[in-house]
Amino acid sequence: MPEIRTALESDIAACTTLLGLLFSQEKEFAPDSEVQSRGLAMIIENPGTGRIFVCEIDGEIQAMVLLLFTISTFLGKKVALLEDMIVAPAWRTRGIGSLLVEHAIGFAQKEGFGRITLLTDSDNEQAQQFYQSKGFSRSEMVVFRKVLEGETSIKSGETDTWMCRECGWLYDPKEGDSENNIKKGTTFERLPSDWCCPVCFASKSDFDLFL
């Protein structure tokens, strides 16, 4: 029988693995196990910021979802952001996602939250239909995001790979640059201005988008 419960510190490794699956399939994000583990720990250690709910089956975590807490001045109440909903491939289409989301909704209602907000990819019709079936409705508001210095896990789309004109070395954000202590997931645009090619030491301006 599936058991839905609040995640513990001992669950971080399993949840990190699930997030790796999630971020690998999403358009805007790339997995980074170290970063994901740190984020999960921040929530578990500070329950005032949110809750992580996991589905455990036969002693193993097979799904997760989390609620992050904030306050709406419009409602004058606590509200939540639902994020990181993921079910292990072997357990999809078995109702596990429904159990998790319904548990999260029940928790929010019991705690007096006024609203739950979530984001999905604009072309993920299956996810949109799923959330609509759970009582969520589409908002007319548009999402804007500003990446702050130090964030390294946003995918960069067309700027994924850049080539050095001097030696042909390729900078791939998925690999980073260990020689210069650049973490995996760092897009070319966010490389320091004084960064240089680890092979021939050409400057950042000597790189072209690799098509």
Protein backbone atom coordinates (compact mmCIF):
# COMPACT_ATOMS: atom_id res chain seq x y z
CA MET A 1 0.00 0.00 0.00
CA PRO A 2 1.34 3.48 -0.86
CA GLU A 3 2.08 5.62 2.19
CA ILE A 4 2.06 9.41 1.84
CA ARG A 5 4.12 11.18 4.50
CA THR A 6 6.29 14.21 5.13
CA ALA A 7 9.88 13.74 3.99
CA LEU A 8 12.67 13.26 6.52
CA GLU A 9 16.36 14.09 6.29
CA SER A 10 17.03 10.43 5.51
CA ASP A 11 14.87 10.78 2.38
CA ILE A 12 17.03 13.44 0.74
CA ALA A 13 19.03 11.03 -1.41
CA ALA A 14 15.92 9.35 -2.82
CA CYS A 15 14.22 12.70 -3.46
CA THR A 16 17.34 14.00 -5.19
CA THR A 17 17.20 11.05 -7.57
CA LEU A 18 13.57 11.83 -8.38
CA LEU A 19 14.40 15.49 -8.99
CA GLY A 20 17.11 14.37 -11.39
CA LEU A 21 14.43 12.63 -13.45
CA LEU A 22 12.15 15.67 -13.28
CA PHE A 23 14.71 18.29 -14.28
CA SER A 24 16.03 16.09 -17.08
CA GLN A 25 12.63 16.16 -18.76
CA GLU A 26 11.76 19.83 -18.14
CA LYS A 27 12.63 22.51 -20.68
CA GLU A 28 14.10 25.18 -18.42
CA PHE A 29 16.03 23.26 -15.79
CA ALA A 30 19.01 20.94 -15.67
CA PRO A 31 19.71 18.51 -12.80
CA ASP A 32 22.48 19.15 -10.28
CA SER A 33 22.40 16.61 -7.44
CA GLU A 34 24.47 18.73 -5.07
CA VAL A 35 22.22 21.75 -5.53
CA GLN A 36 19.03 19.70 -5.31
CA SER A 37 20.19 17.99 -2.10
CA ARG A 38 20.97 21.36 -0.56
CA GLY A 39 17.56 22.74 -1.47
CA LEU A 40 15.74 19.74 -0.08
CA ALA A 41 17.67 19.99 3.18
CA MET A 42 16.78 23.68 3.50
CA ILE A 43 13.08 22.83 3.37
CA ILE A 44 13.24 19.81 5.68
CA GLU A 45 15.31 21.68 8.26
CA ASN A 46 13.03 24.74 8.12
CA PRO A 47 9.40 23.53 8.08
CA GLY A 48 8.19 27.12 8.14
CA THR A 49 9.32 27.41 4.52
CA GLY A 50 7.40 24.42 3.20
CA ARG A 51 6.74 20.69 3.21
CA ILE A 52 7.99 17.86 1.06
CA PHE A 53 5.54 14.98 0.72
CA VAL A 54 6.74 11.59 -0.47
CA CYS A 55 4.99 8.40 -1.50
CA GLU A 56 6.67 5.32 -0.06
CA ILE A 57 5.90 1.89 -1.52
CA ASP A 58 7.44 -1.29 -0.10
CA GLY A 59 10.00 0.77 1.78
CA GLU A 60 11.13 2.84 -1.22
CA ILE A 61 10.21 6.39 -2.19
CA GLN A 62 8.58 6.37 -5.63
CA ALA A 63 7.12 9.87 -5.87
CA MET A 64 7.24 13.33 -4.32
CA VAL A 65 5.71 16.79 -4.38
CA LEU A 66 6.40 19.87 -2.32
CA LEU A 67 4.61 22.97 -1.09
CA LEU A 68 6.52 26.20 -0.53
CA PHE A 69 4.89 28.76 1.77
CA THR A 70 4.43 32.49 1.39
CA ILE A 71 1.78 35.13 2.21
CA SER A 72 -0.78 36.79 -0.06
CA THR A 73 -1.54 40.40 0.87
CA PHE A 74 -4.60 40.21 -1.40
CA LEU A 75 -6.07 37.31 0.56
CA GLY A 76 -4.52 38.18 3.90
CA LYS A 77 -3.62 34.52 4.26
CA LYS A 78 -0.83 32.05 3.85
CA VAL A 79 -0.59 30.65 0.32
CA ALA A 80 1.52 27.92 -1.21
CA LEU A 81 3.42 27.14 -4.39
CA LEU A 82 3.19 23.52 -5.51
CA GLU A 83 6.43 22.37 -7.12
CA ASP A 84 8.54 19.35 -8.09
CA MET A 85 5.74 16.87 -8.68
CA ILE A 86 7.38 13.66 -9.93
CA VAL A 87 6.46 9.96 -9.97
CA ALA A 88 9.01 7.25 -10.77
CA PRO A 89 8.39 5.87 -14.30
CA ALA A 90 7.46 2.39 -13.07
CA TRP A 91 4.62 3.80 -10.96
CA ARG A 92 3.07 6.29 -13.36
CA THR A 93 -0.61 5.97 -14.39
CA ARG A 94 -1.35 4.13 -11.14
CA GLY A 95 -2.93 7.01 -9.24
CA ILE A 96 0.16 7.90 -7.21
CA GLY A 97 0.24 11.47 -8.52
CA SER A 98 -3.40 11.94 -7.55
CA LEU A 99 -2.72 10.68 -4.03
CA LEU A 100 0.17 13.11 -3.60
CA VAL A 101 -1.64 16.18 -4.92
CA GLU A 102 -4.77 15.42 -2.92
CA HIS A 103 -2.63 15.01 0.20
CA ALA A 104 -0.97 18.37 -0.45
CA ILE A 105 -4.34 20.05 -1.00
CA GLY A 106 -5.71 18.50 2.19
CA PHE A 107 -2.71 19.71 4.15
CA ALA A 108 -3.12 23.26 2.81
CA GLN A 109 -6.83 23.31 3.63
CA LYS A 110 -6.24 22.02 7.15
CA GLU A 111 -3.55 24.65 7.77
CA GLY A 112 -5.77 27.49 6.57
CA PHE A 113 -3.98 28.34 3.33
CA GLY A 114 -5.95 30.49 0.92
CA ARG A 115 -4.50 29.38 -2.41
CA ILE A 116 -2.14 26.95 -4.13
CA THR A 117 -0.30 28.07 -7.26
CA LEU A 118 1.68 25.90 -9.65
CA LEU A 119 3.53 26.15 -12.97
CA THR A 120 3.65 23.69 -15.87
CA ASP A 121 5.28 23.77 -19.30
CA SER A 122 2.98 25.60 -21.72
CA ASP A 123 2.83 22.61 -24.07
CA ASN A 124 2.37 19.91 -21.42
CA GLU A 125 -1.32 19.31 -22.02
CA GLN A 126 -1.36 16.08 -20.04
CA ALA A 127 -0.14 17.84 -16.89
CA GLN A 128 -2.56 20.72 -17.43
CA GLN A 129 -5.49 18.34 -17.74
CA PHE A 130 -4.36 16.50 -14.62
CA TYR A 131 -4.24 19.65 -12.51
CA GLN A 132 -7.56 20.88 -13.89
CA SER A 133 -9.07 17.57 -12.78
CA LYS A 134 -7.86 18.42 -9.26
CA GLY A 135 -9.63 21.78 -9.24
CA PHE A 136 -6.84 24.05 -10.50
CA SER A 137 -7.70 26.62 -13.17
CA ARG A 138 -5.54 28.40 -15.72
CA SER A 139 -4.38 31.91 -14.77
CA GLU A 140 -4.19 34.77 -17.26
CA MET A 141 -1.03 36.02 -15.57
CA VAL A 142 2.34 35.60 -17.32
CA VAL A 143 5.42 34.25 -15.54
CA PHE A 144 8.58 36.38 -15.52
CA ARG A 145 11.86 35.24 -14.00
CA LYS A 146 15.15 36.98 -13.27
CA VAL A 147 18.18 34.74 -12.79
CA LEU A 148 20.35 36.08 -9.98
CA GLU A 149 24.10 35.69 -9.78
CA GLY A 150 25.14 32.24 -8.63
CA GLU A 151 22.16 30.32 -10.07
CA THR A 152 23.60 27.62 -12.30
CA SER A 153 20.86 25.17 -13.21
CA ILE A 154 18.75 27.06 -15.76
CA LYS A 155 18.96 25.65 -19.26
CA SER A 156 20.02 28.19 -21.85
CA GLY A 157 18.24 26.83 -24.91
CA GLU A 158 19.99 27.91 -28.09
CA THR A 159 23.16 28.85 -26.20
CA ASP A 160 23.83 25.34 -24.94
CA THR A 161 27.23 24.84 -26.56
CA TRP A 162 29.93 27.34 -27.63
CA MET A 163 33.11 26.70 -29.63
CA CYS A 164 36.52 28.33 -29.25
CA ARG A 165 37.60 29.86 -32.58
CA GLU A 166 41.26 29.40 -31.68
CA CYS A 167 41.40 25.68 -30.90
CA GLY A 168 37.90 24.27 -31.47
CA TRP A 169 37.27 23.32 -27.81
CA LEU A 170 33.58 23.14 -26.97
CA TYR A 171 32.06 24.64 -23.84
CA ASP A 172 29.05 22.53 -22.85
CA PRO A 173 27.02 23.88 -19.90
CA LYS A 174 26.04 20.32 -18.96
CA GLU A 175 29.72 19.57 -18.33
CA GLY A 176 30.94 22.94 -17.05
CA ASP A 177 34.68 23.55 -16.84
CA SER A 178 36.42 21.74 -13.98
CA GLU A 179 39.78 23.30 -14.90
CA ASN A 180 38.38 26.74 -14.06
CA ASN A 181 36.06 25.58 -11.25
CA ILE A 182 32.91 26.21 -13.32
CA LYS A 183 30.06 24.05 -12.09
CA LYS A 184 27.96 21.84 -14.33
CA GLY A 185 24.83 23.67 -15.51
CA THR A 186 26.50 27.09 -15.85
CA THR A 187 25.38 28.71 -19.10
CA PHE A 188 27.93 30.47 -21.30
CA GLU A 189 26.35 33.87 -20.56
CA ARG A 190 26.96 33.42 -16.84
CA LEU A 191 30.64 32.60 -17.15
CA PRO A 192 32.86 35.29 -15.53
CA SER A 193 34.04 38.00 -17.92
CA ASP A 194 37.67 36.99 -17.31
CA TRP A 195 37.01 33.30 -17.99
CA CYS A 196 39.18 31.77 -20.72
CA CYS A 197 39.43 28.58 -22.74
CA PRO A 198 41.04 25.85 -20.59
CA VAL A 199 42.95 24.52 -23.61
CA CYS A 200 44.40 27.57 -25.41
CA PHE A 201 43.48 30.35 -22.94
CA ALA A 202 41.48 32.29 -25.55
CA SER A 203 39.09 34.86 -24.06
CA LYS A 204 35.35 34.49 -23.75
CA SER A 205 34.93 36.84 -26.73
CA ASP A 206 36.74 34.27 -28.90
CA PHE A 207 33.85 31.79 -28.65
CA ASP A 208 31.02 31.35 -31.12
CA LEU A 209 27.70 29.59 -30.74
CA PHE A 210 28.13 25.98 -31.86
CA LEU A 211 25.30 24.90 -34.18
